[in-house]
Amino acid sequence: MTDQTIITARGVTRRFGGLVALDGVDLDVPRGIVQAIIGPNGSGKTTLLNALSGASHADAGSIRIDGKEIFRLRPNRIARLGLARTFQNIRVFSNLTVLENVKVAAACNTPMSMLNIMLSNGTQRQREAEIESTSREALEIVSLAARADDRPTQLPYAQQRLLEIARALASKPKVLLLDEPAAGMNMTESMTLLDTIAKLKGKGITVLLVEHNVRLVMGISDRVAVLDFGKKIAEGAPSEVQRNPLVIEAYLGRRHRHA
């Protein structure tokens, strides 16, 4: 690992009974880029995100963030090291406003002693101001500032997914894992998502993206890794990956086998 690499994974393996979901996957993610992970259904993409975030531990291997080993750490410990993620299923509080949803996430990631939580003192007011500022900045990044006082149920589906990203940003991560963020979005909504991801990169946040929309991936990613049946079969610049015979076979060959 070099100073320019923020995530290093070596030999990451995950089994579910007799099924090998990840088979010795290696991955190096340079700092400050958009790195995509693509592959056919069942190739192990979300399983890899789960291993990186601690949502489901790998059975073997090594995973480091900024040089710190996180293999088998709990998700909250990994989050403190600067990693946040979204999930395929939207997770918001429908009884709170859009802003309050983000503030809850920000509050969970702002250290505070129990004494200061109980006492309304200067430290508490400073903390509340910081949470407010962080939350509104996150909404600005995802273009939801104008919907701050609405309920999540009042938002179109695509904006609810952007709210998920804002909640993840509230922890001020170094690395943001996005699991199929464009799912269910039309072309216009996908372009808004692309703009959001570009803003994240501009702020120095490393984005690790799992996405089925290959056109979106190729348009925003600096590097692309391809999984097939739990193995990494290719990695490189989008233009290189698109021409790779193994990648073409993984996508087109599988379609023919199931036709």
Protein backbone atom coordinates (compact mmCIF):
# COMPACT_ATOMS: atom_id res chain seq x y z
CA MET A 1 0.00 0.00 0.00
CA THR A 2 1.22 3.52 -0.81
CA ASP A 3 0.15 6.89 0.59
CA GLN A 4 -1.99 7.29 -2.53
CA THR A 5 -3.99 4.11 -1.80
CA ILE A 6 -6.87 4.41 0.66
CA ILE A 7 -8.33 0.88 0.43
CA THR A 8 -6.23 -2.25 0.10
CA ALA A 9 -7.87 -5.68 -0.01
CA ARG A 10 -5.95 -8.93 -0.36
CA GLY A 11 -7.34 -12.41 -0.82
CA VAL A 12 -10.84 -11.51 0.36
CA THR A 13 -12.90 -14.70 0.46
CA ARG A 14 -16.52 -15.24 1.51
CA ARG A 15 -18.40 -18.53 1.53
CA PHE A 16 -22.07 -19.26 2.09
CA GLY A 17 -22.20 -23.01 2.65
CA GLY A 18 -20.82 -24.56 -0.51
CA LEU A 19 -21.09 -21.32 -2.50
CA VAL A 20 -17.95 -19.21 -2.85
CA ALA A 21 -19.30 -15.65 -3.19
CA LEU A 22 -15.84 -14.03 -3.14
CA ASP A 23 -12.80 -16.00 -4.22
CA GLY A 24 -9.53 -14.36 -3.21
CA VAL A 25 -10.37 -10.85 -4.40
CA ASP A 26 -7.57 -8.25 -4.44
CA LEU A 27 -8.37 -4.56 -4.75
CA ASP A 28 -6.38 -1.32 -4.50
CA VAL A 29 -8.41 1.89 -4.49
CA PRO A 30 -6.40 5.10 -5.00
CA ARG A 31 -7.31 8.06 -2.83
CA GLY A 32 -9.79 10.60 -4.19
CA ILE A 33 -11.05 8.69 -7.23
CA VAL A 34 -14.33 7.13 -8.31
CA GLN A 35 -13.77 3.37 -8.38
CA ALA A 36 -16.56 1.20 -9.78
CA ILE A 37 -17.20 -2.48 -9.24
CA ILE A 38 -19.33 -4.11 -11.91
CA GLY A 39 -20.28 -7.61 -12.94
CA PRO A 40 -23.25 -9.80 -13.81
CA ASN A 41 -25.90 -10.62 -11.20
CA GLY A 42 -24.50 -12.89 -8.49
CA SER A 43 -20.89 -11.96 -9.20
CA GLY A 44 -20.17 -10.87 -5.61
CA LYS A 45 -20.34 -7.08 -5.86
CA THR A 46 -22.55 -6.36 -2.85
CA THR A 47 -20.84 -9.14 -0.89
CA LEU A 48 -17.57 -7.27 -1.39
CA LEU A 49 -19.11 -4.00 -0.19
CA ASN A 50 -20.47 -5.84 2.86
CA ALA A 51 -16.99 -7.18 3.63
CA LEU A 52 -15.42 -3.73 3.27
CA SER A 53 -18.02 -2.05 5.50
CA GLY A 54 -18.25 -4.83 8.09
CA ALA A 55 -21.92 -5.52 7.35
CA SER A 56 -20.96 -9.15 6.69
CA HIS A 57 -17.46 -10.32 7.49
CA ALA A 58 -15.26 -12.13 5.01
CA ASP A 59 -13.98 -15.59 5.95
CA ALA A 60 -10.39 -14.89 4.93
CA GLY A 61 -8.18 -12.12 3.64
CA SER A 62 -6.98 -8.68 4.65
CA ILE A 63 -8.73 -5.32 4.29
CA ARG A 64 -7.06 -2.02 5.15
CA ILE A 65 -8.31 1.56 5.16
CA ASP A 66 -5.55 4.15 5.27
CA GLY A 67 -3.19 1.37 6.35
CA LYS A 68 -5.34 0.23 9.28
CA GLU A 69 -6.51 -3.39 9.27
CA ILE A 70 -10.31 -3.56 9.48
CA PHE A 71 -10.85 -7.26 8.81
CA ARG A 72 -13.63 -8.45 11.17
CA LEU A 73 -14.07 -5.04 12.82
CA ARG A 74 -17.63 -4.04 13.64
CA PRO A 75 -19.32 -1.56 11.27
CA ASN A 76 -19.28 1.25 13.86
CA ARG A 77 -15.52 0.85 14.33
CA ILE A 78 -15.00 0.93 10.57
CA ALA A 79 -17.21 4.01 10.27
CA ARG A 80 -15.00 5.83 12.78
CA LEU A 81 -12.05 5.22 10.47
CA GLY A 82 -13.81 7.23 7.77
CA LEU A 83 -15.94 4.80 5.77
CA ALA A 84 -19.66 5.26 5.12
CA ARG A 85 -22.07 3.46 2.81
CA THR A 86 -25.54 3.37 1.36
CA PHE A 87 -27.63 0.26 0.78
CA GLN A 88 -29.83 -0.98 -2.05
CA ASN A 89 -32.89 -0.60 0.19
CA ILE A 90 -33.67 2.96 1.24
CA ARG A 91 -33.32 3.47 5.00
CA VAL A 92 -34.87 6.73 6.21
CA PHE A 93 -37.19 7.86 9.01
CA SER A 94 -40.52 8.67 7.38
CA ASN A 95 -41.79 10.54 10.47
CA LEU A 96 -38.89 13.05 10.38
CA THR A 97 -38.16 15.83 7.91
CA VAL A 98 -35.44 15.51 5.29
CA LEU A 99 -33.14 17.74 7.36
CA GLU A 100 -33.91 15.86 10.57
CA ASN A 101 -33.03 12.58 8.87
CA VAL A 102 -29.58 13.90 8.06
CA LYS A 103 -29.18 15.46 11.51
CA VAL A 104 -29.86 12.10 13.16
CA ALA A 105 -27.03 10.59 11.12
CA ALA A 106 -24.74 13.53 11.92
CA ALA A 107 -25.52 13.31 15.65
CA CYS A 108 -24.62 9.63 15.70
CA ASN A 109 -21.19 10.50 14.35
CA THR A 110 -20.43 13.54 16.52
CA PRO A 111 -18.65 12.56 19.76
CA MET A 112 -20.26 13.88 22.93
CA SER A 113 -20.04 12.98 26.59
CA MET A 114 -23.19 11.88 28.40
CA LEU A 115 -22.82 14.85 30.77
CA ASN A 116 -22.90 17.37 27.93
CA ILE A 117 -25.85 15.59 26.36
CA MET A 118 -27.78 16.02 29.61
CA LEU A 119 -26.75 19.61 30.22
CA SER A 120 -27.74 22.47 27.94
CA ASN A 121 -24.41 24.26 28.00
CA GLY A 122 -22.12 25.99 25.54
CA THR A 123 -20.57 22.73 24.39
CA GLN A 124 -23.99 21.29 23.61
CA ARG A 125 -25.01 24.38 21.65
CA GLN A 126 -21.75 24.26 19.71
CA ARG A 127 -22.39 20.60 18.89
CA GLU A 128 -25.92 21.35 17.71
CA ALA A 129 -24.64 24.14 15.47
CA GLU A 130 -22.04 21.80 13.99
CA ILE A 131 -24.67 19.13 13.32
CA GLU A 132 -26.94 21.71 11.66
CA SER A 133 -24.12 22.99 9.44
CA THR A 134 -22.92 19.51 8.47
CA SER A 135 -26.46 18.38 7.64
CA ARG A 136 -27.30 21.38 5.49
CA GLU A 137 -24.00 21.06 3.62
CA ALA A 138 -24.80 17.41 2.89
CA LEU A 139 -28.20 18.39 1.50
CA GLU A 140 -26.57 21.04 -0.69
CA ILE A 141 -24.21 18.45 -2.16
CA VAL A 142 -27.09 16.18 -3.17
CA SER A 143 -29.28 19.08 -4.39
CA LEU A 144 -31.93 18.60 -1.69
CA ALA A 145 -31.49 21.85 0.25
CA ALA A 146 -34.85 23.14 -1.00
CA ARG A 147 -36.60 20.02 0.36
CA ALA A 148 -35.14 20.25 3.88
CA ASP A 149 -38.52 20.70 5.60
CA ASP A 150 -40.36 18.03 3.61
CA ARG A 151 -40.92 14.45 4.72
CA PRO A 152 -39.05 11.71 2.85
CA THR A 153 -42.40 10.32 1.69
CA GLN A 154 -42.99 13.58 -0.19
CA LEU A 155 -39.83 13.06 -2.25
CA PRO A 156 -39.72 11.19 -5.55
CA TYR A 157 -37.97 7.84 -5.31
CA ALA A 158 -34.76 9.16 -6.88
CA GLN A 159 -34.53 11.98 -4.33
CA GLN A 160 -35.03 9.50 -1.51
CA ARG A 161 -31.93 7.72 -2.77
CA LEU A 162 -30.07 11.04 -2.75
CA LEU A 163 -31.24 11.54 0.83
CA GLU A 164 -29.58 8.23 1.67
CA ILE A 165 -26.33 9.64 0.28
CA ALA A 166 -26.75 12.83 2.33
CA ARG A 167 -27.19 10.74 5.49
CA ALA A 168 -23.98 8.88 4.70
CA LEU A 169 -22.16 12.17 4.09
CA ALA A 170 -23.16 13.38 7.56
CA SER A 171 -20.37 11.25 9.02
CA LYS A 172 -17.80 13.23 6.98
CA PRO A 173 -16.32 10.09 5.41
CA LYS A 174 -13.04 9.68 3.57
CA VAL A 175 -14.57 6.78 1.63
CA LEU A 176 -18.19 6.45 0.51
CA LEU A 177 -19.53 3.10 -0.68
CA LEU A 178 -22.58 3.39 -2.94
CA ASP A 179 -24.58 0.21 -3.59
CA GLU A 180 -26.59 0.58 -6.81
CA PRO A 181 -27.45 4.26 -6.25
CA ALA A 182 -29.01 4.65 -9.71
CA ALA A 183 -31.48 1.78 -9.27
CA GLY A 184 -34.94 2.92 -10.37
CA MET A 185 -33.73 6.25 -11.76
CA ASN A 186 -34.55 7.60 -15.21
CA MET A 187 -31.96 9.31 -17.41
CA THR A 188 -32.53 12.81 -15.96
CA GLU A 189 -32.31 11.51 -12.40
CA SER A 190 -29.18 9.53 -13.25
CA MET A 191 -27.55 12.72 -14.53
CA THR A 192 -28.29 14.39 -11.19
CA LEU A 193 -26.62 11.44 -9.49
CA LEU A 194 -23.59 11.80 -11.76
CA ASP A 195 -23.35 15.46 -10.77
CA THR A 196 -23.54 14.49 -7.10
CA ILE A 197 -20.76 11.91 -7.45
CA ALA A 198 -18.61 14.49 -9.25
CA LYS A 199 -19.14 16.89 -6.32
CA LEU A 200 -18.05 14.18 -3.88
CA LYS A 201 -14.87 13.58 -5.86
CA GLY A 202 -14.27 17.34 -5.97
CA LYS A 203 -14.36 17.39 -2.18
CA GLY A 204 -11.69 14.70 -2.00
CA ILE A 205 -14.02 11.86 -1.03
CA THR A 206 -13.12 8.48 -2.48
CA VAL A 207 -16.22 6.86 -4.00
CA LEU A 208 -16.52 3.09 -4.39
CA LEU A 209 -19.51 2.40 -6.59
CA VAL A 210 -21.44 -0.80 -7.31
CA GLU A 211 -23.84 -0.22 -10.16
CA HIS A 212 -25.70 -2.16 -12.89
CA ASN A 213 -26.00 0.89 -15.14
CA VAL A 214 -22.83 0.32 -17.15
CA ARG A 215 -23.25 3.54 -19.15
CA LEU A 216 -23.35 5.56 -15.92
CA VAL A 217 -20.32 3.69 -14.57
CA MET A 218 -18.24 4.32 -17.67
CA GLY A 219 -19.21 7.99 -17.64
CA ILE A 220 -18.16 8.80 -14.08
CA SER A 221 -15.53 6.25 -13.00
CA ASP A 222 -11.77 6.67 -13.02
CA ARG A 223 -11.19 2.94 -12.59
CA VAL A 224 -13.42 -0.11 -12.97
CA ALA A 225 -13.00 -3.57 -11.45
CA VAL A 226 -15.06 -6.46 -12.82
CA LEU A 227 -16.19 -9.48 -10.80
CA ASP A 228 -17.55 -12.73 -12.21
CA PHE A 229 -18.50 -15.72 -10.05
CA GLY A 230 -16.67 -14.14 -7.11
CA LYS A 231 -13.37 -13.59 -8.92
CA LYS A 232 -11.89 -10.33 -10.16
CA ILE A 233 -11.43 -10.86 -13.88
CA ALA A 234 -10.40 -7.36 -14.98
CA GLU A 235 -9.48 -3.92 -13.69
CA GLY A 236 -8.39 -0.67 -15.28
CA ALA A 237 -9.60 2.49 -16.97
CA PRO A 238 -13.18 2.29 -18.30
CA SER A 239 -12.02 2.25 -21.92
CA GLU A 240 -9.68 -0.69 -21.22
CA VAL A 241 -12.29 -2.68 -19.34
CA GLN A 242 -14.91 -2.25 -22.07
CA ARG A 243 -12.56 -3.88 -24.60
CA ASN A 244 -11.47 -6.74 -22.33
CA PRO A 245 -12.48 -10.12 -23.85
CA LEU A 246 -13.10 -11.64 -20.40
CA VAL A 247 -15.51 -8.83 -19.55
CA ILE A 248 -17.35 -9.17 -22.86
CA GLU A 249 -17.68 -12.92 -22.28
CA ALA A 250 -18.89 -12.43 -18.70
CA TYR A 251 -21.74 -10.19 -19.84
CA LEU A 252 -22.61 -11.50 -23.31
CA GLY A 253 -21.68 -15.14 -22.72
CA ARG A 254 -23.87 -15.41 -19.66
CA ARG A 255 -26.82 -13.96 -21.57
CA HIS A 256 -26.40 -16.57 -24.29
CA ARG A 257 -26.14 -19.41 -21.76
CA HIS A 258 -29.44 -18.34 -20.18
CA ALA A 259 -31.23 -17.58 -23.45
